[in-house]
PDB file of all heavy atoms in Angstrom:
ATOM      1  N   LEU A   1      12.557   2.270  -1.139  1.00  0.00           N
ATOM      2  CA  LEU A   1      13.784   2.976  -1.504  1.00  0.00           C
ATOM      3  C   LEU A   1      13.820   3.236  -2.999  1.00  0.00           C
ATOM      4  O   LEU A   1      14.809   3.760  -3.493  1.00  0.00           O
ATOM      5  CB  LEU A   1      14.994   2.141  -1.092  1.00  0.00           C
ATOM      6  CG  LEU A   1      15.071   1.829   0.411  1.00  0.00           C
ATOM      7  CD1 LEU A   1      16.300   0.927   0.671  1.00  0.00           C
ATOM      8  CD2 LEU A   1      15.207   3.125   1.212  1.00  0.00           C
ATOM      9  N   THR A   2      12.742   2.809  -3.741  1.00  0.00           N
ATOM     10  CA  THR A   2      12.805   2.995  -5.187  1.00  0.00           C
ATOM     11  C   THR A   2      12.725   4.440  -5.630  1.00  0.00           C
ATOM     12  O   THR A   2      13.186   4.803  -6.702  1.00  0.00           O
ATOM     13  CB  THR A   2      11.683   2.194  -5.884  1.00  0.00           C
ATOM     14  OG1 THR A   2      10.434   2.612  -5.319  1.00  0.00           O
ATOM     15  CG2 THR A   2      11.864   0.697  -5.634  1.00  0.00           C
ATOM     16  N   LYS A   3      12.146   5.318  -4.774  1.00  0.00           N
ATOM     17  CA  LYS A   3      12.101   6.719  -5.076  1.00  0.00           C
ATOM     18  C   LYS A   3      11.878   7.504  -3.819  1.00  0.00           C
ATOM     19  O   LYS A   3      11.216   6.984  -2.847  1.00  0.00           O
ATOM     20  CB  LYS A   3      11.035   7.073  -6.105  1.00  0.00           C
ATOM     21  CG  LYS A   3       9.628   6.701  -5.733  1.00  0.00           C
ATOM     22  CD  LYS A   3       8.677   7.280  -6.761  1.00  0.00           C
ATOM     23  CE  LYS A   3       7.628   6.296  -7.195  1.00  0.00           C
ATOM     24  NZ  LYS A   3       6.648   6.844  -8.089  1.00  0.00           N
ATOM     25  N   ASP A   4      12.335   8.742  -3.779  1.00  0.00           N
ATOM     26  CA  ASP A   4      12.128   9.635  -2.663  1.00  0.00           C
ATOM     27  C   ASP A   4      10.686  10.170  -2.732  1.00  0.00           C
ATOM     28  O   ASP A   4      10.253  10.600  -3.784  1.00  0.00           O
ATOM     29  CB  ASP A   4      13.061  10.784  -2.683  1.00  0.00           C
ATOM     30  CG  ASP A   4      14.527  10.338  -2.411  1.00  0.00           C
ATOM     31  OD1 ASP A   4      14.693   9.348  -1.722  1.00  0.00           O
ATOM     32  OD2 ASP A   4      15.461  11.006  -2.952  1.00  0.00           O
ATOM     33  N   MET A   5      10.041  10.100  -1.579  1.00  0.00           N
ATOM     34  CA  MET A   5       8.652  10.662  -1.515  1.00  0.00           C
ATOM     35  C   MET A   5       8.327  11.108  -0.117  1.00  0.00           C
ATOM     36  O   MET A   5       8.906  10.630   0.839  1.00  0.00           O
ATOM     37  CB  MET A   5       7.636   9.595  -2.031  1.00  0.00           C
ATOM     38  CG  MET A   5       7.683   8.301  -1.286  1.00  0.00           C
ATOM     39  SD  MET A   5       6.362   7.116  -1.832  1.00  0.00           S
ATOM     40  CE  MET A   5       6.781   6.938  -3.574  1.00  0.00           C
ATOM     41  N   PRO A   6       7.417  12.086  -0.005  1.00  0.00           N
ATOM     42  CA  PRO A   6       7.135  12.665   1.333  1.00  0.00           C
ATOM     43  C   PRO A   6       6.111  11.813   2.087  1.00  0.00           C
ATOM     44  O   PRO A   6       5.846  12.082   3.274  1.00  0.00           O
ATOM     45  CB  PRO A   6       6.502  14.010   0.983  1.00  0.00           C
ATOM     46  CG  PRO A   6       5.846  13.808  -0.351  1.00  0.00           C
ATOM     47  CD  PRO A   6       6.716  12.808  -1.098  1.00  0.00           C
ATOM     48  N   TRP A   7       5.555  10.791   1.492  1.00  0.00           N
ATOM     49  CA  TRP A   7       4.441  10.091   2.093  1.00  0.00           C
ATOM     50  C   TRP A   7       4.898   9.082   3.147  1.00  0.00           C
ATOM     51  O   TRP A   7       5.871   8.406   3.031  1.00  0.00           O
ATOM     52  CB  TRP A   7       3.683   9.302   1.026  1.00  0.00           C
ATOM     53  CG  TRP A   7       3.344  10.173  -0.129  1.00  0.00           C
ATOM     54  CD1 TRP A   7       3.997  10.235  -1.346  1.00  0.00           C
ATOM     55  CD2 TRP A   7       2.287  11.129  -0.236  1.00  0.00           C
ATOM     56  NE1 TRP A   7       3.393  11.144  -2.171  1.00  0.00           N
ATOM     57  CE2 TRP A   7       2.332  11.727  -1.522  1.00  0.00           C
ATOM     58  CE3 TRP A   7       1.289  11.574   0.648  1.00  0.00           C
ATOM     59  CZ2 TRP A   7       1.463  12.717  -1.917  1.00  0.00           C
ATOM     60  CZ3 TRP A   7       0.405  12.547   0.251  1.00  0.00           C
ATOM     61  CH2 TRP A   7       0.529  13.090  -1.031  1.00  0.00           C
ATOM     62  N   ARG A   8       4.081   9.082   4.228  1.00  0.00           N
ATOM     63  CA  ARG A   8       4.278   8.017   5.252  1.00  0.00           C
ATOM     64  C   ARG A   8       3.781   6.686   4.713  1.00  0.00           C
ATOM     65  O   ARG A   8       2.873   6.630   3.876  1.00  0.00           O
ATOM     66  CB  ARG A   8       3.498   8.371   6.524  1.00  0.00           C
ATOM     67  CG  ARG A   8       3.974   9.650   7.207  1.00  0.00           C
ATOM     68  CD  ARG A   8       2.982  10.022   8.297  1.00  0.00           C
ATOM     69  NE  ARG A   8       3.440  11.089   9.162  1.00  0.00           N
ATOM     70  CZ  ARG A   8       2.662  11.737  10.023  1.00  0.00           C
ATOM     71  NH1 ARG A   8       1.365  11.417  10.138  1.00  0.00           N
ATOM     72  NH2 ARG A   8       3.104  12.689  10.771  1.00  0.00           N
ATOM     73  N   PRO A   9       4.315   5.574   5.200  1.00  0.00           N
ATOM     74  CA  PRO A   9       3.816   4.285   4.778  1.00  0.00           C
ATOM     75  C   PRO A   9       2.283   4.147   5.088  1.00  0.00           C
ATOM     76  O   PRO A   9       1.863   4.546   6.194  1.00  0.00           O
ATOM     77  CB  PRO A   9       4.634   3.286   5.557  1.00  0.00           C
ATOM     78  CG  PRO A   9       5.920   4.010   5.835  1.00  0.00           C
ATOM     79  CD  PRO A   9       5.529   5.437   6.074  1.00  0.00           C
ATOM     80  N   GLN A  10       1.536   3.587   4.147  1.00  0.00           N
ATOM     81  CA  GLN A  10       0.123   3.422   4.393  1.00  0.00           C
ATOM     82  C   GLN A  10      -0.144   2.301   5.360  1.00  0.00           C
ATOM     83  O   GLN A  10      -1.147   2.386   6.133  1.00  0.00           O
ATOM     84  CB  GLN A  10      -0.512   3.073   2.996  1.00  0.00           C
ATOM     85  CG  GLN A  10      -0.393   4.110   1.934  1.00  0.00           C
ATOM     86  CD  GLN A  10      -1.437   5.189   2.080  1.00  0.00           C
ATOM     87  OE1 GLN A  10      -2.090   5.361   3.091  1.00  0.00           O
ATOM     88  NE2 GLN A  10      -1.569   5.999   0.998  1.00  0.00           N
ATOM     89  N   GLY A  11       0.706   1.275   5.357  1.00  0.00           N
ATOM     90  CA  GLY A  11       0.436   0.134   6.219  1.00  0.00           C
ATOM     91  C   GLY A  11      -0.771  -0.655   5.738  1.00  0.00           C
ATOM     92  O   GLY A  11      -1.483  -0.259   4.862  1.00  0.00           O
ATOM     93  N   LEU A  12      -0.965  -1.785   6.426  1.00  0.00           N
ATOM     94  CA  LEU A  12      -2.081  -2.670   6.016  1.00  0.00           C
ATOM     95  C   LEU A  12      -3.409  -2.100   6.401  1.00  0.00           C
ATOM     96  O   LEU A  12      -4.439  -2.359   5.743  1.00  0.00           O
ATOM     97  CB  LEU A  12      -1.928  -4.012   6.687  1.00  0.00           C
ATOM     98  CG  LEU A  12      -0.739  -4.854   6.193  1.00  0.00           C
ATOM     99  CD1 LEU A  12      -0.477  -6.068   7.048  1.00  0.00           C
ATOM    100  CD2 LEU A  12      -0.961  -5.247   4.694  1.00  0.00           C
ATOM    101  N   ASP A  13      -3.473  -1.193   7.424  1.00  0.00           N
ATOM    102  CA  ASP A  13      -4.737  -0.626   7.849  1.00  0.00           C
ATOM    103  C   ASP A  13      -5.285   0.305   6.744  1.00  0.00           C
ATOM    104  O   ASP A  13      -6.418   0.236   6.336  1.00  0.00           O
ATOM    105  CB  ASP A  13      -4.622   0.103   9.153  1.00  0.00           C
ATOM    106  CG  ASP A  13      -3.558   1.161   9.192  1.00  0.00           C
ATOM    107  OD1 ASP A  13      -2.592   1.070   8.438  1.00  0.00           O
ATOM    108  OD2 ASP A  13      -3.665   2.110  10.037  1.00  0.00           O
ATOM    109  N   ASN A  14      -4.403   1.187   6.220  1.00  0.00           N
ATOM    110  CA  ASN A  14      -4.857   2.117   5.207  1.00  0.00           C
ATOM    111  C   ASN A  14      -5.164   1.310   3.896  1.00  0.00           C
ATOM    112  O   ASN A  14      -6.084   1.634   3.146  1.00  0.00           O
ATOM    113  CB  ASN A  14      -3.812   3.183   4.899  1.00  0.00           C
ATOM    114  CG  ASN A  14      -3.994   4.401   5.840  1.00  0.00           C
ATOM    115  OD1 ASN A  14      -4.635   4.267   6.879  1.00  0.00           O
ATOM    116  ND2 ASN A  14      -3.398   5.501   5.460  1.00  0.00           N
ATOM    117  N   LEU A  15      -4.340   0.299   3.607  1.00  0.00           N
ATOM    118  CA  LEU A  15      -4.623  -0.500   2.414  1.00  0.00           C
ATOM    119  C   LEU A  15      -6.000  -1.151   2.438  1.00  0.00           C
ATOM    120  O   LEU A  15      -6.774  -1.093   1.503  1.00  0.00           O
ATOM    121  CB  LEU A  15      -3.547  -1.570   2.266  1.00  0.00           C
ATOM    122  CG  LEU A  15      -3.703  -2.522   1.047  1.00  0.00           C
ATOM    123  CD1 LEU A  15      -3.726  -1.772  -0.273  1.00  0.00           C
ATOM    124  CD2 LEU A  15      -2.614  -3.582   1.063  1.00  0.00           C
ATOM    125  N   ALA A  16      -6.342  -1.708   3.621  1.00  0.00           N
ATOM    126  CA  ALA A  16      -7.670  -2.309   3.794  1.00  0.00           C
ATOM    127  C   ALA A  16      -8.723  -1.273   3.610  1.00  0.00           C
ATOM    128  O   ALA A  16      -9.843  -1.504   3.041  1.00  0.00           O
ATOM    129  CB  ALA A  16      -7.777  -3.010   5.152  1.00  0.00           C
ATOM    130  N   TRP A  17      -8.506  -0.077   4.161  1.00  0.00           N
ATOM    131  CA  TRP A  17      -9.487   1.013   4.038  1.00  0.00           C
ATOM    132  C   TRP A  17      -9.627   1.423   2.561  1.00  0.00           C
ATOM    133  O   TRP A  17     -10.754   1.647   2.077  1.00  0.00           O
ATOM    134  CB  TRP A  17      -9.056   2.195   4.922  1.00  0.00           C
ATOM    135  CG  TRP A  17     -10.082   3.271   5.066  1.00  0.00           C
ATOM    136  CD1 TRP A  17     -11.010   3.356   6.122  1.00  0.00           C
ATOM    137  CD2 TRP A  17     -10.289   4.454   4.246  1.00  0.00           C
ATOM    138  NE1 TRP A  17     -11.820   4.455   5.935  1.00  0.00           N
ATOM    139  CE2 TRP A  17     -11.356   5.153   4.821  1.00  0.00           C
ATOM    140  CE3 TRP A  17      -9.688   4.920   3.106  1.00  0.00           C
ATOM    141  CZ2 TRP A  17     -11.854   6.352   4.262  1.00  0.00           C
ATOM    142  CZ3 TRP A  17     -10.156   6.090   2.557  1.00  0.00           C
ATOM    143  CH2 TRP A  17     -11.221   6.805   3.132  1.00  0.00           C
ATOM    144  N   TRP A  18      -8.530   1.573   1.871  1.00  0.00           N
ATOM    145  CA  TRP A  18      -8.566   1.912   0.418  1.00  0.00           C
ATOM    146  C   TRP A  18      -9.416   0.904  -0.338  1.00  0.00           C
ATOM    147  O   TRP A  18     -10.269   1.271  -1.154  1.00  0.00           O
ATOM    148  CB  TRP A  18      -7.152   1.918  -0.160  1.00  0.00           C
ATOM    149  CG  TRP A  18      -6.606   3.228  -0.632  1.00  0.00           C
ATOM    150  CD1 TRP A  18      -6.299   3.566  -1.957  1.00  0.00           C
ATOM    151  CD2 TRP A  18      -6.193   4.371   0.127  1.00  0.00           C
ATOM    152  NE1 TRP A  18      -5.769   4.820  -2.027  1.00  0.00           N
ATOM    153  CE2 TRP A  18      -5.691   5.335  -0.744  1.00  0.00           C
ATOM    154  CE3 TRP A  18      -6.230   4.641   1.525  1.00  0.00           C
ATOM    155  CZ2 TRP A  18      -5.224   6.554  -0.324  1.00  0.00           C
ATOM    156  CZ3 TRP A  18      -5.732   5.854   1.927  1.00  0.00           C
ATOM    157  CH2 TRP A  18      -5.284   6.805   1.032  1.00  0.00           C
ATOM    158  N   VAL A  19      -9.131  -0.383  -0.100  1.00  0.00           N
ATOM    159  CA  VAL A  19      -9.888  -1.446  -0.846  1.00  0.00           C
ATOM    160  C   VAL A  19     -11.383  -1.299  -0.575  1.00  0.00           C
ATOM    161  O   VAL A  19     -12.190  -1.444  -1.520  1.00  0.00           O
ATOM    162  CB  VAL A  19      -9.385  -2.847  -0.401  1.00  0.00           C
ATOM    163  CG1 VAL A  19     -10.285  -3.938  -0.925  1.00  0.00           C
ATOM    164  CG2 VAL A  19      -7.942  -3.010  -0.876  1.00  0.00           C
ATOM    165  N   HIS A  20     -11.765  -1.047   0.635  1.00  0.00           N
ATOM    166  CA  HIS A  20     -13.127  -0.932   1.023  1.00  0.00           C
ATOM    167  C   HIS A  20     -13.813   0.338   0.475  1.00  0.00           C
ATOM    168  O   HIS A  20     -15.004   0.314   0.142  1.00  0.00           O
ATOM    169  CB  HIS A  20     -13.250  -0.943   2.582  1.00  0.00           C
ATOM    170  CG  HIS A  20     -14.653  -0.949   3.084  1.00  0.00           C
ATOM    171  ND1 HIS A  20     -15.504  -2.000   2.948  1.00  0.00           N
ATOM    172  CD2 HIS A  20     -15.368   0.051   3.714  1.00  0.00           C
ATOM    173  CE1 HIS A  20     -16.666  -1.702   3.518  1.00  0.00           C
ATOM    174  NE2 HIS A  20     -16.624  -0.477   3.967  1.00  0.00           N
ATOM    175  N   MET A  21     -13.059   1.425   0.368  1.00  0.00           N
ATOM    176  CA  MET A  21     -13.671   2.739   0.149  1.00  0.00           C
ATOM    177  C   MET A  21     -13.392   3.304  -1.278  1.00  0.00           C
ATOM    178  O   MET A  21     -14.071   4.251  -1.652  1.00  0.00           O
ATOM    179  CB  MET A  21     -13.095   3.758   1.151  1.00  0.00           C
ATOM    180  CG  MET A  21     -13.445   3.452   2.589  1.00  0.00           C
ATOM    181  SD  MET A  21     -15.233   3.665   2.995  1.00  0.00           S
ATOM    182  CE  MET A  21     -15.384   5.454   2.767  1.00  0.00           C
ATOM    183  N   ALA A  22     -12.484   2.734  -2.008  1.00  0.00           N
ATOM    184  CA  ALA A  22     -12.061   3.435  -3.225  1.00  0.00           C
ATOM    185  C   ALA A  22     -13.068   3.557  -4.340  1.00  0.00           C
ATOM    186  O   ALA A  22     -12.998   4.448  -5.129  1.00  0.00           O
ATOM    187  CB  ALA A  22     -10.764   2.744  -3.788  1.00  0.00           C
ATOM    188  N   GLY A  23     -14.008   2.634  -4.410  1.00  0.00           N
ATOM    189  CA  GLY A  23     -14.914   2.649  -5.558  1.00  0.00           C
ATOM    190  C   GLY A  23     -14.224   2.290  -6.829  1.00  0.00           C
ATOM    191  O   GLY A  23     -14.729   2.615  -7.927  1.00  0.00           O
ATOM    192  N   ALA A  24     -13.084   1.637  -6.770  1.00  0.00           N
ATOM    193  CA  ALA A  24     -12.313   1.140  -7.902  1.00  0.00           C
ATOM    194  C   ALA A  24     -11.425   0.032  -7.378  1.00  0.00           C
ATOM    195  O   ALA A  24     -11.122  -0.026  -6.208  1.00  0.00           O
ATOM    196  CB  ALA A  24     -11.488   2.245  -8.513  1.00  0.00           C
ATOM    197  N   PRO A  25     -10.956  -0.843  -8.278  1.00  0.00           N
ATOM    198  CA  PRO A  25      -9.976  -1.849  -7.821  1.00  0.00           C
ATOM    199  C   PRO A  25      -8.737  -1.165  -7.275  1.00  0.00           C
ATOM    200  O   PRO A  25      -8.340  -0.081  -7.790  1.00  0.00           O
ATOM    201  CB  PRO A  25      -9.673  -2.612  -9.092  1.00  0.00           C
ATOM    202  CG  PRO A  25     -10.853  -2.391  -9.971  1.00  0.00           C
ATOM    203  CD  PRO A  25     -11.348  -1.035  -9.710  1.00  0.00           C
ATOM    204  N   VAL A  26      -8.119  -1.749  -6.287  1.00  0.00           N
ATOM    205  CA  VAL A  26      -6.952  -1.191  -5.620  1.00  0.00           C
ATOM    206  C   VAL A  26      -5.767  -2.117  -5.848  1.00  0.00           C
ATOM    207  O   VAL A  26      -5.887  -3.331  -5.661  1.00  0.00           O
ATOM    208  CB  VAL A  26      -7.208  -0.946  -4.143  1.00  0.00           C
ATOM    209  CG1 VAL A  26      -5.931  -0.566  -3.412  1.00  0.00           C
ATOM    210  CG2 VAL A  26      -8.258   0.180  -3.978  1.00  0.00           C
ATOM    211  N   VAL A  27      -4.592  -1.523  -6.112  1.00  0.00           N
ATOM    212  CA  VAL A  27      -3.358  -2.259  -6.259  1.00  0.00           C
ATOM    213  C   VAL A  27      -2.438  -1.812  -5.134  1.00  0.00           C
ATOM    214  O   VAL A  27      -2.311  -0.636  -4.841  1.00  0.00           O
ATOM    215  CB  VAL A  27      -2.720  -1.970  -7.600  1.00  0.00           C
ATOM    216  CG1 VAL A  27      -1.245  -2.411  -7.639  1.00  0.00           C
ATOM    217  CG2 VAL A  27      -3.480  -2.670  -8.742  1.00  0.00           C
ATOM    218  N   ALA A  28      -1.851  -2.805  -4.430  1.00  0.00           N
ATOM    219  CA  ALA A  28      -0.903  -2.504  -3.346  1.00  0.00           C
ATOM    220  C   ALA A  28       0.489  -2.337  -3.942  1.00  0.00           C
ATOM    221  O   ALA A  28       0.926  -3.187  -4.707  1.00  0.00           O
ATOM    222  CB  ALA A  28      -0.909  -3.639  -2.329  1.00  0.00           C
ATOM    223  N   ILE A  29       1.151  -1.277  -3.535  1.00  0.00           N
ATOM    224  CA  ILE A  29       2.510  -1.026  -4.078  1.00  0.00           C
ATOM    225  C   ILE A  29       3.341  -0.361  -3.013  1.00  0.00           C
ATOM    226  O   ILE A  29       2.867   0.382  -2.175  1.00  0.00           O
ATOM    227  CB  ILE A  29       2.427  -0.094  -5.350  1.00  0.00           C
ATOM    228  CG1 ILE A  29       3.795   0.016  -6.017  1.00  0.00           C
ATOM    229  CG2 ILE A  29       1.840   1.237  -4.988  1.00  0.00           C
ATOM    230  CD1 ILE A  29       3.742   0.685  -7.387  1.00  0.00           C
ATOM    231  N   GLY A  30       4.652  -0.661  -3.052  1.00  0.00           N
ATOM    232  CA  GLY A  30       5.606   0.036  -2.198  1.00  0.00           C
ATOM    233  C   GLY A  30       6.162  -0.822  -1.077  1.00  0.00           C
ATOM    234  O   GLY A  30       5.407  -1.213  -0.168  1.00  0.00           O
ATOM    235  N   GLY A  31       7.458  -1.134  -1.160  1.00  0.00           N
ATOM    236  CA  GLY A  31       8.185  -1.833  -0.065  1.00  0.00           C
ATOM    237  C   GLY A  31       7.785  -3.282   0.103  1.00  0.00           C
ATOM    238  O   GLY A  31       8.018  -3.853   1.183  1.00  0.00           O
ATOM    239  N   ILE A  32       7.223  -3.926  -0.895  1.00  0.00           N
ATOM    240  CA  ILE A  32       6.814  -5.316  -0.790  1.00  0.00           C
ATOM    241  C   ILE A  32       7.997  -6.192  -1.207  1.00  0.00           C
ATOM    242  O   ILE A  32       8.296  -6.397  -2.369  1.00  0.00           O
ATOM    243  CB  ILE A  32       5.576  -5.602  -1.669  1.00  0.00           C
ATOM    244  CG1 ILE A  32       4.413  -4.736  -1.196  1.00  0.00           C
ATOM    245  CG2 ILE A  32       5.157  -7.101  -1.582  1.00  0.00           C
ATOM    246  CD1 ILE A  32       3.174  -4.777  -2.093  1.00  0.00           C
ATOM    247  N   LEU A  33       8.720  -6.636  -0.190  1.00  0.00           N
ATOM    248  CA  LEU A  33      10.012  -7.336  -0.370  1.00  0.00           C
ATOM    249  C   LEU A  33       9.994  -8.761   0.112  1.00  0.00           C
ATOM    250  O   LEU A  33      10.915  -9.519  -0.207  1.00  0.00           O
ATOM    251  CB  LEU A  33      11.094  -6.556   0.345  1.00  0.00           C
ATOM    252  CG  LEU A  33      11.340  -5.106  -0.108  1.00  0.00           C
ATOM    253  CD1 LEU A  33      12.349  -4.445   0.757  1.00  0.00           C
ATOM    254  CD2 LEU A  33      11.731  -5.009  -1.571  1.00  0.00           C
ATOM    255  N   GLU A  34       8.997  -9.126   0.906  1.00  0.00           N
ATOM    256  CA  GLU A  34       8.921 -10.460   1.456  1.00  0.00           C
ATOM    257  C   GLU A  34       7.555 -11.097   1.160  1.00  0.00           C
ATOM    258  O   GLU A  34       6.554 -10.410   1.010  1.00  0.00           O
ATOM    259  CB  GLU A  34       9.135 -10.399   2.975  1.00  0.00           C
ATOM    260  CG  GLU A  34      10.489  -9.799   3.408  1.00  0.00           C
ATOM    261  CD  GLU A  34      10.636  -9.667   4.907  1.00  0.00           C
ATOM    262  OE1 GLU A  34       9.640 -10.031   5.600  1.00  0.00           O
ATOM    263  OE2 GLU A  34      11.653  -9.223   5.369  1.00  0.00           O
ATOM    264  N   HIS A  35       7.546 -12.407   1.130  1.00  0.00           N
ATOM    265  CA  HIS A  35       6.332 -13.176   0.786  1.00  0.00           C
ATOM    266  C   HIS A  35       5.247 -12.836   1.825  1.00  0.00           C
ATOM    267  O   HIS A  35       4.061 -12.747   1.485  1.00  0.00           O
ATOM    268  CB  HIS A  35       6.591 -14.636   0.706  1.00  0.00           C
ATOM    269  CG  HIS A  35       7.411 -15.037  -0.442  1.00  0.00           C
ATOM    270  ND1 HIS A  35       7.999 -16.300  -0.570  1.00  0.00           N
ATOM    271  CD2 HIS A  35       7.750 -14.339  -1.570  1.00  0.00           C
ATOM    272  CE1 HIS A  35       8.682 -16.349  -1.704  1.00  0.00           C
ATOM    273  NE2 HIS A  35       8.567 -15.187  -2.310  1.00  0.00           N
ATOM    274  N   ALA A  36       5.619 -12.687   3.080  1.00  0.00           N
ATOM    275  CA  ALA A  36       4.631 -12.403   4.147  1.00  0.00           C
ATOM    276  C   ALA A  36       3.904 -11.099   3.866  1.00  0.00           C
ATOM    277  O   ALA A  36       2.707 -10.966   4.155  1.00  0.00           O
ATOM    278  CB  ALA A  36       5.273 -12.427   5.508  1.00  0.00           C
ATOM    279  N   GLN A  37       4.665 -10.119   3.295  1.00  0.00           N
ATOM    280  CA  GLN A  37       4.010  -8.818   2.965  1.00  0.00           C
ATOM    281  C   GLN A  37       3.038  -8.978   1.845  1.00  0.00           C
ATOM    282  O   GLN A  37       1.930  -8.442   1.877  1.00  0.00           O
ATOM    283  CB  GLN A  37       5.090  -7.815   2.598  1.00  0.00           C
ATOM    284  CG  GLN A  37       6.004  -7.418   3.740  1.00  0.00           C
ATOM    285  CD  GLN A  37       7.153  -6.557   3.268  1.00  0.00           C
ATOM    286  OE1 GLN A  37       7.867  -6.909   2.353  1.00  0.00           O
ATOM    287  NE2 GLN A  37       7.356  -5.380   3.911  1.00  0.00           N
ATOM    288  N   ALA A  38       3.416  -9.762   0.807  1.00  0.00           N
ATOM    289  CA  ALA A  38       2.465  -9.985  -0.308  1.00  0.00           C
ATOM    290  C   ALA A  38       1.255 -10.707   0.149  1.00  0.00           C
ATOM    291  O   ALA A  38       0.106 -10.438  -0.282  1.00  0.00           O
ATOM    292  CB  ALA A  38       3.150 -10.763  -1.394  1.00  0.00           C
TER     293      ALA A  38
END
């Protein structure tokens, strides 16, 4: 809710894919409000 954006949530599946494929360190951001999410 911090800003309006057209993007669908990436979810943990896309985050894991980003980490594996990015060729750069990846930072997780967006909607992380609970310890279980972190």
